[in-house]
Protein backbone atom coordinates (compact mmCIF):
# COMPACT_ATOMS: atom_id res chain seq x y z
CA MET A 1 26.83 -56.87 -44.34
CA ASN A 2 28.71 -59.93 -43.15
CA ILE A 3 29.06 -62.54 -45.89
CA PRO A 4 29.43 -66.19 -44.80
CA GLU A 5 32.19 -68.46 -46.04
CA GLU A 6 31.29 -71.08 -48.61
CA ILE A 7 29.77 -74.16 -46.96
CA ASN A 8 31.78 -77.35 -47.27
CA ASN A 9 30.16 -80.32 -48.96
CA CYS A 10 28.35 -82.60 -46.51
CA GLU A 11 30.29 -85.58 -47.95
CA GLN A 12 33.34 -84.38 -46.03
CA ILE A 13 31.64 -84.65 -42.65
CA ILE A 14 30.14 -87.99 -43.68
CA ASP A 15 33.65 -89.33 -44.30
CA ARG A 16 34.79 -87.94 -40.94
CA ILE A 17 31.91 -89.69 -39.17
CA ILE A 18 32.70 -93.02 -40.79
CA ASP A 19 36.40 -92.70 -39.97
CA LEU A 20 35.57 -91.82 -36.37
CA SER A 21 33.27 -94.84 -36.10
CA LEU A 22 36.02 -97.18 -37.30
CA SER A 23 38.74 -95.81 -35.03
CA SER A 24 36.54 -95.87 -31.92
CA VAL A 25 35.41 -99.49 -32.05
CA SER A 26 38.49 -101.05 -33.64
CA SER A 27 40.69 -100.43 -30.60
CA ILE A 28 38.85 -100.61 -27.29
CA PRO A 29 40.83 -99.61 -24.16
CA PRO A 30 41.25 -102.34 -21.49
CA ASN A 31 39.21 -100.42 -18.92
CA SER A 32 36.26 -99.87 -21.27
CA THR A 33 33.58 -101.91 -23.06
CA LEU A 34 32.26 -101.99 -26.62
CA LYS A 35 28.92 -100.53 -25.55
CA THR A 36 30.64 -97.64 -23.76
CA GLU A 37 32.78 -96.87 -26.80
CA ILE A 38 29.72 -96.94 -29.06
CA PHE A 39 27.81 -94.51 -26.81
CA GLN A 40 30.81 -92.17 -26.60
CA THR A 41 31.27 -92.28 -30.39
CA ILE A 42 27.63 -91.46 -31.05
CA ASN A 43 27.86 -88.57 -28.57
CA LYS A 44 30.95 -87.23 -30.37
CA ILE A 45 29.15 -87.48 -33.71
CA GLU A 46 26.17 -85.55 -32.37
CA ILE A 47 28.46 -82.78 -31.06
CA MET A 48 30.34 -82.72 -34.39
CA ILE A 49 27.11 -82.31 -36.36
CA GLN A 50 25.78 -79.70 -33.95
CA GLN A 51 28.96 -77.65 -34.29
CA TYR A 52 28.93 -78.06 -38.08
CA VAL A 53 25.36 -76.77 -38.35
CA TYR A 54 25.67 -73.90 -35.88
CA ASP A 55 28.93 -72.65 -37.42
CA ILE A 56 27.04 -72.32 -40.71
CA LEU A 57 23.87 -70.71 -39.36
CA ILE A 58 25.59 -68.10 -37.18
CA ASP A 59 27.14 -66.36 -40.20
CA PHE A 60 24.00 -65.85 -42.29
CA PRO A 61 22.40 -62.40 -41.95
CA LEU A 62 18.85 -61.58 -40.94
CA LEU A 63 17.50 -60.07 -44.17
CA ASN A 64 15.10 -57.75 -42.34
CA ASP A 65 18.04 -56.06 -40.60
CA LEU A 66 19.84 -55.11 -43.82
CA GLU A 67 19.80 -51.70 -45.50
CA LYS A 68 16.89 -51.12 -47.86
CA TYR A 69 18.94 -51.10 -51.05
CA ILE A 70 20.82 -54.31 -50.11
CA SER A 71 17.49 -55.95 -49.31
CA ASP A 72 16.17 -54.95 -52.74
CA GLU A 73 19.26 -56.33 -54.47
CA ILE A 74 18.93 -59.60 -52.57
CA ASP A 75 15.31 -59.93 -53.69
CA ILE A 76 16.50 -59.67 -57.29
CA LEU A 77 19.05 -62.46 -56.96
CA ILE A 78 17.50 -64.97 -54.54
CA ASP A 79 14.14 -66.16 -53.27
CA ARG A 80 13.57 -65.23 -49.63
CA SER A 81 11.22 -68.12 -48.99
CA LYS A 82 13.81 -70.62 -50.24
CA TYR A 83 16.47 -68.87 -48.18
CA HIS A 84 14.44 -69.21 -44.97
CA TYR A 85 13.39 -72.75 -45.84
CA CYS A 86 16.97 -73.92 -46.46
CA LEU A 87 18.22 -72.36 -43.22
CA GLY A 88 15.35 -74.07 -41.40
CA GLU A 89 16.15 -77.44 -42.98
CA LEU A 90 19.80 -77.12 -42.01
CA ASN A 91 18.84 -76.14 -38.46
CA ARG A 92 16.56 -79.20 -38.25
CA THR A 93 19.52 -81.52 -38.91
CA VAL A 94 20.45 -81.65 -35.21
CA LYS A 95 16.94 -82.69 -34.16
CA ASP A 96 16.74 -85.27 -36.95
CA VAL A 97 19.96 -86.88 -35.71
CA GLU A 98 18.77 -86.80 -32.10
CA PHE A 99 15.55 -88.51 -33.17
CA VAL A 100 17.47 -91.37 -34.82
CA VAL A 101 19.74 -91.83 -31.81
CA GLN A 102 16.82 -91.90 -29.37
CA ASN A 103 14.95 -94.46 -31.48
CA TYR A 104 17.87 -96.87 -31.47
CA SER A 105 19.21 -96.25 -27.96
CA PHE A 106 16.85 -98.75 -26.28
CA LEU A 107 18.10 -101.51 -28.61
CA PHE A 108 21.62 -101.12 -27.20
CA GLU A 109 20.42 -101.59 -23.62
CA GLY A 110 19.23 -105.15 -24.09
CA SER A 111 22.55 -106.71 -25.04
CA ASN A 112 26.32 -106.59 -24.53
CA SER A 113 27.16 -108.98 -27.34
CA PRO A 114 29.28 -107.56 -30.20
CA THR A 115 27.23 -109.54 -32.71
CA THR A 116 24.18 -107.55 -31.63
CA LEU A 117 25.73 -104.15 -30.87
CA LEU A 118 27.83 -103.70 -34.02
CA PRO A 119 24.96 -104.16 -36.56
CA ILE A 120 22.83 -101.68 -34.60
CA PHE A 121 25.76 -99.27 -34.49
CA LYS A 122 26.25 -99.58 -38.26
CA THR A 123 22.55 -98.86 -38.81
CA VAL A 124 22.66 -95.73 -36.63
CA ILE A 125 25.75 -94.41 -38.44
CA GLY A 126 24.13 -95.12 -41.81
CA ARG A 127 20.92 -93.31 -40.87
CA ILE A 128 22.86 -90.28 -39.59
CA CYS A 129 24.96 -90.07 -42.76
CA SER A 130 21.85 -90.35 -44.95
CA ILE A 131 20.23 -87.48 -43.03
CA LEU A 132 23.28 -85.33 -43.74
CA ARG A 133 23.21 -86.21 -47.41
CA ASN A 134 19.54 -85.23 -47.60
CA LYS A 135 20.66 -81.71 -46.63
CA SER A 136 22.85 -81.35 -49.73
CA LYS A 137 20.19 -79.44 -51.70
CA PRO A 138 19.65 -76.78 -49.00
CA ILE A 139 23.44 -76.43 -48.72
CA GLU A 140 23.70 -76.07 -52.49
CA TYR A 141 21.18 -73.24 -52.48
CA LEU A 142 22.80 -71.51 -49.49
CA ASN A 143 26.13 -71.54 -51.37
CA HIS A 144 24.30 -69.92 -54.27
CA VAL A 145 23.03 -67.29 -51.81
CA ILE A 146 26.59 -66.64 -50.58
CA GLU A 147 27.73 -66.21 -54.18
CA SER A 148 24.87 -63.77 -54.77
CA PHE A 149 25.82 -61.76 -51.67
CA HIS A 150 29.31 -61.30 -53.09
CA SER A 151 27.92 -59.72 -56.27
CA ILE A 152 26.02 -56.93 -54.45
CA PRO A 153 27.92 -53.62 -54.46
CA ILE A 154 28.32 -52.22 -50.94
CA ILE A 155 27.63 -48.47 -50.94
CA GLN A 156 28.92 -46.58 -47.92
CA SER A 157 26.22 -44.29 -46.60
CA PRO A 158 28.39 -41.50 -45.06
CA PHE A 159 29.93 -40.64 -48.45
CA SER A 160 28.60 -38.43 -51.21
CA THR A 161 28.16 -40.47 -54.36
CA SER A 162 28.21 -40.39 -58.13
CA ILE A 163 26.92 -43.13 -60.45
CA ILE A 164 28.21 -43.90 -63.94
CA LEU A 165 25.77 -45.47 -66.42
CA GLY A 166 25.68 -46.13 -70.14
CA ASN A 167 28.40 -47.43 -72.42
CA LYS A 168 32.14 -47.73 -71.79
CA THR A 169 31.62 -46.95 -68.12
CA ASP A 170 35.18 -48.05 -67.33
CA ASP A 171 36.56 -45.38 -69.68
CA LEU A 172 34.46 -42.70 -68.03
CA LEU A 173 35.51 -43.91 -64.57
CA PHE A 174 39.14 -43.64 -65.68
CA SER A 175 38.52 -40.10 -66.96
CA ILE A 176 36.91 -39.04 -63.68
CA VAL A 177 39.62 -40.67 -61.62
CA MET A 178 42.46 -39.09 -63.58
CA GLY A 179 41.03 -35.68 -64.39
CA GLY A 180 37.48 -35.23 -63.16
CA GLY A 181 38.08 -33.46 -59.90
CA CYS A 182 39.22 -36.43 -57.82
CA ASP A 183 42.85 -36.65 -56.65
CA ILE A 184 43.21 -40.28 -57.61
CA VAL A 185 46.37 -41.80 -59.00
CA ASN A 186 46.39 -45.48 -58.19
CA LEU A 187 43.98 -48.36 -57.96
CA ASP A 188 43.36 -51.29 -55.64
CA THR A 189 40.89 -54.04 -56.43
CA SER A 190 39.46 -55.99 -53.50
CA GLN A 191 37.69 -59.31 -53.80
CA ASN A 192 35.94 -58.97 -50.45
CA ASN A 193 32.54 -57.31 -50.16
CA ASN A 194 32.90 -56.67 -46.44
CA VAL A 195 33.11 -52.89 -46.06
CA ASN A 196 35.15 -53.12 -42.88
CA ASN A 197 37.76 -55.26 -44.57
CA ASN A 198 37.93 -52.88 -47.48
CA ASN A 199 38.46 -49.93 -45.17
CA ASN A 200 41.30 -51.77 -43.49
CA ASN A 201 43.00 -52.21 -46.83
CA ASN A 202 43.49 -48.51 -47.43
CA ASN A 203 47.17 -48.80 -46.66
CA ASN A 204 47.57 -51.76 -48.95
CA ILE A 205 47.22 -50.14 -52.36
CA GLU A 206 48.69 -52.17 -55.18
CA ASP A 207 50.23 -50.88 -58.39
CA ASN A 208 47.95 -50.92 -61.40
CA ASP A 209 49.56 -50.98 -64.82
CA ASP A 210 46.21 -50.68 -66.59
CA PHE A 211 45.73 -47.13 -65.35
CA ILE A 212 49.29 -45.79 -65.37
CA ASP A 213 51.54 -46.10 -68.40
CA GLU A 214 55.05 -46.54 -67.11
CA ASP A 215 56.56 -45.72 -70.51
CA GLU A 216 54.85 -42.34 -70.68
CA ASP A 217 57.36 -39.53 -70.15
CA ILE A 218 55.89 -37.15 -67.54
CA ASP A 219 58.02 -34.58 -65.79
CA TYR A 220 56.90 -33.99 -62.22
CA GLU A 221 58.43 -31.60 -59.74
CA ASP A 222 59.61 -33.04 -56.45
CA ASP A 223 56.80 -31.47 -54.43
CA LYS A 224 54.20 -32.80 -56.87
CA GLN A 225 55.72 -36.26 -56.64
CA SER A 226 55.52 -36.13 -52.85
CA GLN A 227 51.91 -34.97 -53.02
CA GLN A 228 51.12 -37.73 -55.50
CA GLN A 229 52.57 -40.38 -53.19
CA GLN A 230 50.28 -39.16 -50.40
CA GLN A 231 47.30 -39.42 -52.73
CA LEU A 232 48.08 -43.08 -53.34
CA GLN A 233 46.84 -43.83 -49.83
CA GLN A 234 43.50 -42.10 -50.42
CA LEU A 235 41.99 -44.39 -53.04
CA ILE A 236 40.42 -47.79 -52.89
CA ILE A 237 38.43 -49.45 -55.66
CA ARG A 238 36.24 -52.41 -54.76
CA SER A 239 35.22 -54.86 -57.47
CA TYR A 240 32.25 -57.20 -57.04
CA LYS A 241 32.30 -60.60 -58.70
CA PHE A 242 29.19 -61.86 -60.46
CA ASN A 243 28.94 -65.46 -61.66
CA ASP A 244 27.44 -65.06 -65.10
CA ASN A 245 26.81 -68.82 -65.36
CA SER A 246 24.77 -68.92 -62.17
CA ILE A 247 21.03 -69.63 -62.25
CA TYR A 248 19.33 -66.86 -60.32
CA LYS A 249 15.93 -66.38 -58.80
CA ASP A 250 13.62 -66.25 -61.84
CA ASP A 251 15.25 -69.29 -63.41
CA TYR A 252 14.54 -71.33 -60.29
CA GLY A 253 11.01 -70.03 -60.05
CA THR A 254 9.47 -68.11 -57.19
CA GLY A 255 8.06 -69.68 -54.09
CA VAL A 256 4.52 -69.18 -55.41
CA GLU A 257 4.99 -70.43 -58.95
CA SER A 258 7.29 -73.36 -58.24
CA SER A 259 6.06 -76.48 -56.51
CA ASN A 260 9.61 -77.45 -55.53
CA PRO A 261 10.98 -75.32 -52.69
CA ILE A 262 14.54 -76.48 -53.29
CA PRO A 263 15.98 -75.35 -56.64
CA THR A 264 16.96 -78.14 -58.97
CA ILE A 265 18.92 -77.93 -62.19
CA SER A 266 16.71 -79.25 -64.93
CA THR A 267 19.16 -79.99 -67.73
CA ALA A 268 22.69 -81.30 -68.07
CA ARG A 269 23.64 -78.05 -69.82
CA ASP A 270 22.47 -75.95 -66.87
CA GLN A 271 24.34 -78.21 -64.48
CA LEU A 272 27.51 -77.82 -66.55
CA LEU A 273 27.10 -74.03 -66.46
CA GLN A 274 26.78 -74.17 -62.68
CA GLN A 275 30.02 -76.12 -62.41
CA GLN A 276 31.93 -73.95 -64.89
CA LYS A 277 31.72 -70.63 -63.11
CA HIS A 278 32.33 -67.56 -65.21
CA PHE A 279 32.95 -64.48 -63.09
CA ILE A 280 32.63 -60.96 -64.40
CA LYS A 281 33.01 -57.68 -62.49
CA PRO A 282 30.04 -55.55 -63.51
CA PHE A 283 30.16 -53.24 -60.48
CA ASN A 284 33.14 -51.26 -59.22
CA ILE A 285 33.17 -48.57 -56.54
CA ALA A 286 36.01 -46.06 -56.29
CA THR A 287 36.24 -44.28 -52.94
CA VAL A 288 38.46 -41.25 -52.35
CA ASN A 289 38.31 -38.42 -49.82
CA ASN A 290 34.79 -39.37 -48.61
CA PHE A 291 33.55 -39.44 -52.20
CA GLN A 292 32.54 -42.64 -53.97
CA ILE A 293 31.98 -43.30 -57.66
CA ILE A 294 29.84 -46.30 -58.60
CA GLU A 295 30.64 -47.83 -61.98
CA THR A 296 27.70 -49.90 -63.20
CA PRO A 297 27.97 -52.52 -65.97
CA SER A 298 28.16 -51.03 -69.44
CA LEU A 299 25.36 -51.57 -71.92
CA THR A 300 27.68 -53.81 -73.95
CA LEU A 301 28.38 -56.02 -70.92
CA ILE A 302 24.67 -56.21 -70.09
CA LYS A 303 23.85 -57.32 -73.63
CA GLU A 304 26.56 -60.00 -73.63
CA SER A 305 25.68 -61.36 -70.19
CA LYS A 306 23.63 -64.53 -69.73
CA ASN A 307 21.88 -62.69 -66.88
CA SER A 308 21.11 -59.41 -68.63
CA LYS A 309 17.80 -58.90 -66.83
CA LYS A 310 19.40 -59.48 -63.44
CA LEU A 311 22.14 -56.91 -64.06
CA LEU A 312 19.60 -54.39 -65.33
CA ASP A 313 17.35 -54.99 -62.32
CA MET A 314 20.32 -54.51 -59.97
CA ILE A 315 21.05 -51.14 -61.60
CA LYS A 316 17.42 -50.12 -61.24
CA GLY A 317 17.47 -51.18 -57.60
CA ILE A 318 20.49 -48.97 -56.90
CA LEU A 319 18.94 -45.99 -58.69
CA ASN A 320 15.66 -46.53 -56.87
CA ASN A 321 17.37 -46.16 -53.50
CA LEU A 322 19.90 -43.42 -54.25
CA GLU A 323 19.51 -39.74 -54.94
CA THR A 324 22.80 -38.43 -56.27
CA LEU A 325 24.74 -37.29 -59.33
CA ILE A 326 24.20 -39.59 -62.33
CA LEU A 327 26.61 -39.55 -65.26
CA PHE A 328 25.20 -41.32 -68.31
CA ASN A 329 27.84 -41.94 -70.95
CA VAL A 330 26.70 -41.99 -74.59
CA ASP A 331 29.27 -43.35 -77.03
CA PHE A 332 28.62 -42.17 -80.58
CA GLN A 333 30.71 -45.00 -82.00
CA LEU A 334 28.03 -47.46 -80.85
CA ASP A 335 24.34 -47.87 -81.65
CA ILE A 336 22.62 -44.65 -80.55
CA LYS A 337 19.09 -46.08 -80.53
CA GLU A 338 20.11 -48.88 -78.19
CA GLN A 339 21.65 -46.36 -75.79
CA ILE A 340 18.49 -44.24 -75.89
CA ASP A 341 16.40 -47.34 -75.17
CA TYR A 342 18.65 -48.07 -72.20
CA TYR A 343 18.29 -44.53 -70.87
CA LEU A 344 14.49 -44.64 -71.22
CA ASN A 345 14.46 -48.00 -69.45
CA ILE A 346 16.17 -46.64 -66.34
CA LYS A 347 14.76 -43.09 -66.45
CA PRO A 348 11.69 -43.92 -64.28
CA TYR A 349 14.12 -44.87 -61.49
CA ILE A 350 15.95 -41.52 -61.62
CA SER A 351 14.21 -39.34 -59.06
CA ARG A 352 15.49 -35.97 -60.34
CA VAL A 353 16.54 -35.32 -63.92
CA ASP A 354 18.47 -32.22 -62.86
CA GLN A 355 20.90 -34.54 -61.07
CA CYS A 356 21.57 -36.46 -64.29
CA CYS A 357 24.09 -35.52 -66.98
CA LEU A 358 24.41 -36.99 -70.45
CA ILE A 359 28.08 -37.12 -71.42
CA PHE A 360 28.76 -37.55 -75.14
CA THR A 361 31.99 -39.27 -76.08
CA ASN A 362 33.36 -39.66 -79.61
CA CYS A 363 30.86 -37.06 -80.80
CA GLN A 364 32.32 -35.68 -84.04
CA SER A 365 30.03 -32.70 -84.59
CA SER A 366 27.25 -30.66 -83.04
CA ARG A 367 24.96 -32.07 -85.68
CA ASP A 368 25.32 -35.54 -84.20
CA SER A 369 24.38 -34.25 -80.77
CA LEU A 370 21.34 -32.40 -82.12
CA GLU A 371 20.15 -35.54 -83.87
CA PHE A 372 20.50 -37.46 -80.62
CA ILE A 373 18.42 -34.86 -78.76
CA GLU A 374 15.67 -34.99 -81.40
CA ILE A 375 15.50 -38.77 -81.28
CA LEU A 376 15.40 -38.66 -77.49
CA LYS A 377 12.55 -36.13 -77.52
CA GLN A 378 10.52 -38.24 -79.93
CA ARG A 379 11.04 -41.36 -77.86
CA LEU A 380 10.03 -39.55 -74.66
CA ILE A 381 6.82 -38.35 -76.29
CA SER A 382 5.99 -41.73 -77.82
CA SER A 383 6.56 -43.49 -74.49
CA ASN A 384 4.34 -40.98 -72.62
CA GLN A 385 7.19 -39.83 -70.38
CA LEU A 386 7.82 -36.28 -69.29
CA LEU A 387 9.76 -34.27 -71.84
CA GLU A 388 12.77 -33.76 -69.58
CA ILE A 389 16.22 -33.50 -71.12
CA PRO A 390 19.17 -33.71 -68.71
CA SER A 391 22.22 -31.50 -68.96
CA ILE A 392 24.32 -32.52 -71.95
CA TYR A 393 28.09 -32.25 -72.23
CA ILE A 394 30.45 -33.25 -75.00
CA TYR A 395 33.33 -34.74 -73.09
CA GLU A 396 36.08 -33.51 -75.38
CA GLN A 397 34.76 -29.92 -75.22
CA HIS A 398 33.21 -29.55 -71.77
CA ILE A 399 35.64 -31.28 -69.44
CA ASN A 400 35.75 -28.27 -67.11
CA GLN A 401 31.94 -28.17 -66.74
CA ILE A 402 31.88 -31.89 -66.01
CA LYS A 403 34.60 -31.35 -63.43
CA GLU A 404 32.54 -28.60 -61.77
CA HIS A 405 29.55 -30.93 -61.55
CA ILE A 406 31.62 -33.64 -59.91
CA ILE A 407 33.30 -31.27 -57.48
CA LYS A 408 29.91 -29.85 -56.52
CA TYR A 409 28.63 -33.26 -55.44
CA LYS A 410 31.98 -34.28 -54.02
CA ASN A 411 31.98 -31.32 -51.63
CA TYR A 412 28.27 -31.58 -50.84
CA GLN A 413 28.59 -34.20 -48.09
CA ILE A 414 25.18 -35.82 -47.90
CA PRO A 415 24.25 -39.49 -47.53
CA PRO A 416 23.21 -40.87 -50.93
CA PHE A 417 20.26 -42.94 -49.74
CA LYS A 418 16.69 -41.81 -50.13
CA ASN A 419 14.53 -41.56 -47.04
CA ASN A 420 12.66 -44.83 -47.31
CA GLY A 421 9.70 -45.20 -44.98
CA ILE A 422 9.53 -47.74 -42.21
CA ASP A 423 6.96 -49.67 -44.22
CA ASN A 424 9.60 -50.44 -46.84
CA LEU A 425 11.92 -51.87 -44.19
CA LEU A 426 9.23 -54.32 -43.16
CA SER A 427 8.22 -55.38 -46.68
CA SER A 428 9.55 -58.93 -46.40
CA LEU A 429 7.78 -62.26 -46.43
CA THR A 430 4.94 -62.76 -44.02
CA MET A 431 5.00 -65.73 -41.67
CA VAL A 432 2.10 -67.26 -43.62
CA GLU A 433 4.15 -67.24 -46.84
CA ILE A 434 7.13 -68.79 -45.08
CA GLN A 435 4.95 -71.49 -43.51
CA GLU A 436 3.40 -72.29 -46.89
CA GLN A 437 6.86 -72.77 -48.34
CA ILE A 438 7.87 -75.05 -45.47
CA ASN A 439 4.70 -77.11 -45.89
CA LYS A 440 5.45 -77.57 -49.59
CA GLY A 441 8.94 -78.72 -48.67
CA ARG A 442 7.63 -81.29 -46.23
CA GLN A 443 5.29 -82.69 -48.89
CA GLN A 444 7.92 -82.80 -51.63
CA GLN A 445 10.89 -84.05 -49.62
CA GLN A 446 11.59 -87.74 -50.01
CA MET A 447 12.82 -88.52 -46.50
CA THR A 448 12.97 -92.29 -46.30
CA SER A 449 14.26 -94.50 -43.54
CA ASP A 450 16.55 -96.35 -45.96
CA ILE A 451 20.31 -95.89 -45.85
CA ASP A 452 21.92 -94.79 -49.11
CA LEU A 453 23.61 -97.78 -50.76
CA ASP A 454 27.02 -96.14 -51.19
CA ILE A 455 27.05 -95.13 -47.49
CA LEU A 456 26.06 -98.67 -46.53
CA ASP A 457 28.88 -99.99 -48.72
CA LYS A 458 31.41 -97.72 -46.98
CA ILE A 459 30.24 -98.90 -43.55
CA ASN A 460 30.30 -102.56 -44.55
CA LYS A 461 33.91 -102.19 -45.65
CA LEU A 462 34.86 -101.14 -42.12
CA ASP A 463 34.70 -104.80 -41.08
CA LEU A 464 32.80 -104.11 -37.86
CA ASN A 465 31.25 -107.60 -37.71
């Protein structure tokens, strides 16, 4: 999935338009006239706006063409109707500007006097700049969409896959990477979600002090050191940033429930949160030798997040679209009942329990594990779910069995995605729903013919009289 660059604020192009207007009419060439310079300037402004709009629109993806699981994740984070509406509003900018220019063009034809031409020119520039400013809300939402795209983990379909769930998922990922059947020694973290870019970075692996203790005294033979250096080129770990202060889909309201098609921030506190971005990295994907390991956010991180429901829904969306080995880490140093609740919450999205393993860490005795199993059975019965208990391993005692499980799925090269029907690929908004959203936008939008006062003040300071 191609992810667009962040859209620049429309105030920047407004300033460029005003500067261009001043420079064009302040120094008129001897072989030209004021009216000619005004027409040429307006034409340049139209081309500038057209290029500005089209450069933005060309990068945004068609949601119906995306993979099913990416489409599901997008539906969790953004509102499709708002997405289509904002793209449509931005695309309409060019026609809005053309409409203003055509309305005022006949006024230029009746006079050659600067006292008549310059006020009309100022009015046209003011109207154009006000149109651009009225597009600030759609641009704001599209930047939110871009930010949401960056938080979606990109799973590569040709690779066999394993998913880590539960608590302390980073510890379990480290254990798998270092001793769970994967020849992984080093780590690279990429900020870019574009899969192609990540693949091109395979030869750019950086050192990671968090995973390798330089002070640890390990005696390697020369051939092992050489083999280890080759393995450095086989690993890439992609991290996906998630703005925990962002206001996502449900907070804005859906297209049906909300009367305002453009999201607005209701309180000063919410606006401050939007400005003070707080990025976390809930999803990481380690890829090595055509095998990828997806680290999902730990239960602790989900609980501490301001967008707990969104993170949990994203995990469910991934599980709902994948059919692969699932490693659920249970940490006995943390609240057991909370971890059982979490497992029961995601269990309906696990297609096959035999592909799921419960891995106990910090389990001091077999009695603790038996108590966990009994509590899990009771909760399954009380919640009317099938009494299915996955394979259970105590990490400290069954590392070899865990390794065998991982190697089994590592060597079984099968795409991780479920076979979703064609109906699921077409389950997007209908044209009627999109049109309803557009109609609401037309009714709500306060498009006046007045020029914003601050824009008028800027133009008046140009001394074009």
